Amino acid sequence: MDKQIQIYFIRSIGIINKNIFLVAILSALLIFDPSKSLGLASLTLLAFMIIAPLIYGRFYENASSENKIIWSQLFNKHWWNYTLVMLILAIPYAVLSLSGILGKFAANTTLTIIINILTIYVFPLVFITRKRIFSITSGIKCLIENPQCSIAFMLIILIMATVKSFMQLYITAPLQNNTEAFCAVSFLCNLPFFYMDILVFTTATMLLLENENFKKYLTPTT
């Protein structure tokens, strides 16, 4: 791994550790089983959709050394862009769900890994440029043109998605009839996943903002 990227990872870990309560909040919002508590699961999912862009926005501020703004300003500045890009990226899920392919656990996990890899630089660019379509196209272009610099990110995504799928299948699924245990174990499974996801996000943000070879992806080419 490039020494500069190693430094970015170390800095990112420091930022996340200082704000670990934000990671815990994200982890706690996705612990309910829809098959047992549909109303509560739906409510917390809605809360997650509102809160997640704000938390990622706060980590973006730390990674970019921007001056911190209050939560309401953070919402107005980033929420719509982040949410709209999320909805655009959800289209493959919707199409494959309608086709019945995502009924298979392995297919769902594989698609999740592919999309998470393709969007390594997309969401940092959403916060940096505040442009939606450009962030998607430039982020994917950045990944394609810099595979060697992105290997560490890919490995983290691959390992975490595989581990999370294994835990869901063999640890949380057998606990569905025990609500308290299911929620507790789900939280413990979510915590490292979101930690590593934010680690990739903040490190990729630093790479885009501080590495001269990556700054060309911040502005449209003419």
Protein backbone atom coordinates (compact mmCIF):
# COMPACT_ATOMS: atom_id res chain seq x y z
CA MET A 1 0.00 0.00 0.00
CA ASP A 2 1.20 3.52 -0.82
CA LYS A 3 2.65 5.28 2.24
CA GLN A 4 0.46 8.33 1.68
CA ILE A 5 -2.67 6.18 1.68
CA GLN A 6 -1.45 4.51 4.88
CA ILE A 7 -1.23 7.95 6.47
CA TYR A 8 -4.77 8.75 5.31
CA PHE A 9 -6.00 5.50 6.88
CA ILE A 10 -4.29 6.31 10.18
CA ARG A 11 -5.77 9.82 10.20
CA SER A 12 -9.21 8.42 9.38
CA ILE A 13 -9.03 5.92 12.24
CA GLY A 14 -8.22 8.77 14.61
CA ILE A 15 -11.22 10.77 13.38
CA ILE A 16 -13.59 7.81 13.67
CA ASN A 17 -12.38 6.86 17.15
CA LYS A 18 -13.03 10.40 18.36
CA ASN A 19 -16.57 10.23 16.96
CA ILE A 20 -17.35 6.58 17.64
CA PHE A 21 -20.75 7.52 19.10
CA LEU A 22 -21.86 8.54 15.60
CA VAL A 23 -20.95 5.08 14.31
CA ALA A 24 -22.94 3.59 17.19
CA ILE A 25 -25.99 5.69 16.25
CA LEU A 26 -25.95 4.36 12.68
CA SER A 27 -25.49 0.82 13.96
CA ALA A 28 -28.41 1.11 16.37
CA LEU A 29 -30.87 2.26 13.70
CA LEU A 30 -30.78 -0.98 11.72
CA ILE A 31 -31.29 -3.64 14.37
CA PHE A 32 -34.97 -4.54 14.08
CA ASP A 33 -36.31 -7.52 12.14
CA PRO A 34 -39.01 -6.37 9.66
CA SER A 35 -40.65 -9.80 9.79
CA LYS A 36 -41.25 -9.36 13.53
CA SER A 37 -41.59 -5.59 13.97
CA LEU A 38 -42.45 -4.08 10.60
CA GLY A 39 -43.62 -0.76 12.02
CA LEU A 40 -40.58 -0.26 14.22
CA ALA A 41 -38.19 -1.44 11.50
CA SER A 42 -39.78 0.97 9.00
CA LEU A 43 -39.61 3.86 11.47
CA THR A 44 -35.94 3.30 12.26
CA LEU A 45 -35.14 2.84 8.57
CA LEU A 46 -36.73 6.24 7.88
CA ALA A 47 -34.68 7.71 10.72
CA PHE A 48 -31.57 6.14 9.22
CA MET A 49 -32.29 7.73 5.82
CA ILE A 50 -32.56 11.12 7.50
CA ILE A 51 -29.61 10.80 9.87
CA ALA A 52 -27.04 8.91 7.75
CA PRO A 53 -26.29 11.81 5.34
CA LEU A 54 -25.75 14.10 8.34
CA ILE A 55 -23.33 11.72 10.03
CA TYR A 56 -21.38 11.11 6.82
CA GLY A 57 -21.41 14.87 6.30
CA ARG A 58 -19.87 15.36 9.73
CA PHE A 59 -17.13 12.83 8.94
CA TYR A 60 -16.58 14.59 5.63
CA GLU A 61 -16.03 17.86 7.50
CA ASN A 62 -13.45 16.19 9.72
CA ALA A 63 -11.69 14.55 6.78
CA SER A 64 -11.62 17.76 4.74
CA SER A 65 -10.83 20.08 7.66
CA GLU A 66 -13.87 22.21 6.79
CA ASN A 67 -15.32 24.39 9.52
CA LYS A 68 -18.07 22.54 11.36
CA ILE A 69 -21.61 23.78 10.84
CA ILE A 70 -24.72 23.04 12.86
CA TRP A 71 -26.78 19.95 12.06
CA SER A 72 -29.60 21.87 10.36
CA GLN A 73 -27.13 23.56 7.99
CA LEU A 74 -25.49 20.21 7.34
CA PHE A 75 -28.91 18.83 6.42
CA ASN A 76 -29.63 21.70 4.01
CA LYS A 77 -26.18 21.44 2.45
CA HIS A 78 -25.85 17.72 1.83
CA TRP A 79 -29.00 15.72 2.55
CA TRP A 80 -30.76 16.02 -0.81
CA ASN A 81 -27.64 15.32 -2.90
CA TYR A 82 -26.72 12.25 -0.84
CA THR A 83 -30.27 10.89 -0.81
CA LEU A 84 -30.84 11.39 -4.53
CA VAL A 85 -27.60 9.60 -5.41
CA MET A 86 -28.61 6.77 -3.07
CA LEU A 87 -31.95 6.49 -4.89
CA ILE A 88 -30.23 6.44 -8.29
CA LEU A 89 -27.90 3.68 -7.11
CA ALA A 90 -30.88 1.74 -5.77
CA ILE A 91 -32.24 1.30 -9.30
CA PRO A 92 -30.21 -1.91 -9.96
CA TYR A 93 -31.62 -3.38 -6.75
CA ALA A 94 -35.16 -2.50 -7.80
CA VAL A 95 -34.74 -3.96 -11.29
CA LEU A 96 -33.18 -7.19 -10.05
CA SER A 97 -35.73 -7.50 -7.25
CA LEU A 98 -38.57 -7.31 -9.76
CA SER A 99 -36.84 -9.96 -11.86
CA GLY A 100 -36.62 -12.26 -8.83
CA ILE A 101 -32.83 -12.54 -8.93
CA LEU A 102 -32.32 -10.90 -5.55
CA GLY A 103 -34.37 -13.58 -3.88
CA LYS A 104 -31.10 -15.49 -3.76
CA PHE A 105 -28.85 -14.57 -0.83
CA ALA A 106 -25.61 -14.92 -2.79
CA ALA A 107 -26.89 -12.68 -5.59
CA ASN A 108 -27.82 -9.96 -3.11
CA THR A 109 -24.41 -10.10 -1.44
CA THR A 110 -22.59 -10.02 -4.78
CA LEU A 111 -24.57 -7.01 -6.00
CA THR A 112 -23.91 -5.19 -2.73
CA ILE A 113 -20.16 -5.77 -3.08
CA ILE A 114 -20.14 -4.59 -6.71
CA ILE A 115 -22.06 -1.39 -5.97
CA ASN A 116 -20.00 -0.60 -2.86
CA ILE A 117 -16.79 -0.97 -4.87
CA LEU A 118 -18.10 1.12 -7.77
CA THR A 119 -19.07 3.90 -5.35
CA ILE A 120 -15.82 4.11 -3.36
CA TYR A 121 -15.22 7.62 -4.68
CA VAL A 122 -18.80 8.52 -5.58
CA PHE A 123 -20.05 9.51 -2.13
CA PRO A 124 -16.94 11.50 -1.17
CA LEU A 125 -17.43 13.40 -4.44
CA VAL A 126 -21.10 14.00 -3.59
CA PHE A 127 -19.97 15.89 -0.49
CA ILE A 128 -16.98 17.57 -2.12
CA THR A 129 -18.60 18.79 -5.35
CA ARG A 130 -22.29 18.72 -4.34
CA LYS A 131 -23.02 17.51 -7.87
CA ARG A 132 -25.04 14.37 -8.33
CA ILE A 133 -24.57 12.87 -11.81
CA PHE A 134 -21.04 14.21 -12.07
CA SER A 135 -20.13 12.53 -8.77
CA ILE A 136 -21.34 9.17 -10.07
CA THR A 137 -19.54 9.37 -13.42
CA SER A 138 -16.34 10.92 -12.07
CA GLY A 139 -16.25 8.55 -9.09
CA ILE A 140 -16.50 5.45 -11.28
CA LYS A 141 -13.95 6.91 -13.69
CA CYS A 142 -11.59 7.53 -10.76
CA LEU A 143 -11.91 3.91 -9.66
CA ILE A 144 -11.29 2.54 -13.16
CA GLU A 145 -8.24 4.72 -13.72
CA ASN A 146 -6.70 4.10 -10.29
CA PRO A 147 -7.19 0.39 -9.50
CA GLN A 148 -3.87 0.03 -7.69
CA CYS A 149 -4.61 2.87 -5.26
CA SER A 150 -8.07 1.39 -4.66
CA ILE A 151 -7.04 -2.18 -3.83
CA ALA A 152 -7.09 -1.57 -0.06
CA PHE A 153 -10.61 -0.11 -0.28
CA MET A 154 -11.79 -3.06 -2.37
CA LEU A 155 -10.37 -5.59 0.07
CA ILE A 156 -12.06 -3.89 3.02
CA ILE A 157 -15.41 -3.88 1.20
CA LEU A 158 -15.07 -7.49 0.08
CA ILE A 159 -14.08 -8.77 3.53
CA MET A 160 -16.70 -6.77 5.43
CA ALA A 161 -19.54 -7.68 3.07
CA THR A 162 -18.60 -11.35 3.23
CA VAL A 163 -18.28 -11.35 7.03
CA LYS A 164 -21.55 -9.44 7.46
CA SER A 165 -23.40 -11.86 5.17
CA PHE A 166 -21.99 -14.82 7.09
CA MET A 167 -23.05 -13.26 10.41
CA GLN A 168 -26.54 -12.52 9.13
CA LEU A 169 -26.98 -16.03 7.84
CA TYR A 170 -25.50 -18.02 10.71
CA ILE A 171 -25.72 -15.74 13.77
CA THR A 172 -28.60 -13.25 13.57
CA ALA A 173 -31.02 -15.36 11.52
CA PRO A 174 -31.26 -18.16 14.15
CA LEU A 175 -32.14 -15.48 16.75
CA GLN A 176 -35.23 -14.15 14.98
CA ASN A 177 -37.54 -15.59 17.63
CA ASN A 178 -35.63 -13.81 20.40
CA THR A 179 -36.14 -10.09 19.78
CA GLU A 180 -33.73 -8.80 22.45
CA ALA A 181 -30.91 -11.12 21.41
CA PHE A 182 -31.54 -10.40 17.72
CA CYS A 183 -31.31 -6.63 18.27
CA ALA A 184 -28.19 -6.89 20.43
CA VAL A 185 -26.34 -9.15 18.02
CA SER A 186 -27.48 -7.06 15.03
CA PHE A 187 -25.99 -3.97 16.69
CA LEU A 188 -22.69 -5.77 17.30
CA CYS A 189 -22.66 -6.91 13.66
CA ASN A 190 -23.47 -3.44 12.36
CA LEU A 191 -20.84 -1.63 14.41
CA PRO A 192 -17.69 -2.92 12.64
CA PHE A 193 -19.44 -2.73 9.27
CA PHE A 194 -20.23 0.97 9.62
CA TYR A 195 -16.82 1.63 11.17
CA MET A 196 -15.08 0.18 8.11
CA ASP A 197 -17.53 1.84 5.70
CA ILE A 198 -16.79 5.25 7.22
CA LEU A 199 -13.06 4.40 7.19
CA VAL A 200 -13.24 3.89 3.42
CA PHE A 201 -15.32 7.05 3.01
CA THR A 202 -13.04 9.36 5.01
CA THR A 203 -9.84 7.93 3.54
CA ALA A 204 -11.16 8.25 -0.02
CA THR A 205 -12.19 11.83 0.80
CA MET A 206 -8.65 12.69 1.90
CA LEU A 207 -7.21 11.02 -1.19
CA LEU A 208 -9.42 13.06 -3.51
CA LEU A 209 -8.75 16.35 -1.73
CA GLU A 210 -5.05 16.06 -0.96
CA ASN A 211 -3.45 13.84 -3.60
CA GLU A 212 -2.52 15.87 -6.69
CA ASN A 213 -3.18 12.90 -8.99
CA PHE A 214 -6.79 12.72 -7.81
CA LYS A 215 -7.74 16.39 -7.85
CA LYS A 216 -8.59 16.22 -11.56
CA TYR A 217 -11.68 14.21 -10.62
CA LEU A 218 -13.11 17.12 -8.64
CA THR A 219 -14.02 19.26 -11.63
CA PRO A 220 -15.68 18.45 -14.98
CA THR A 221 -13.30 18.22 -17.91
CA THR A 222 -13.92 20.58 -20.77
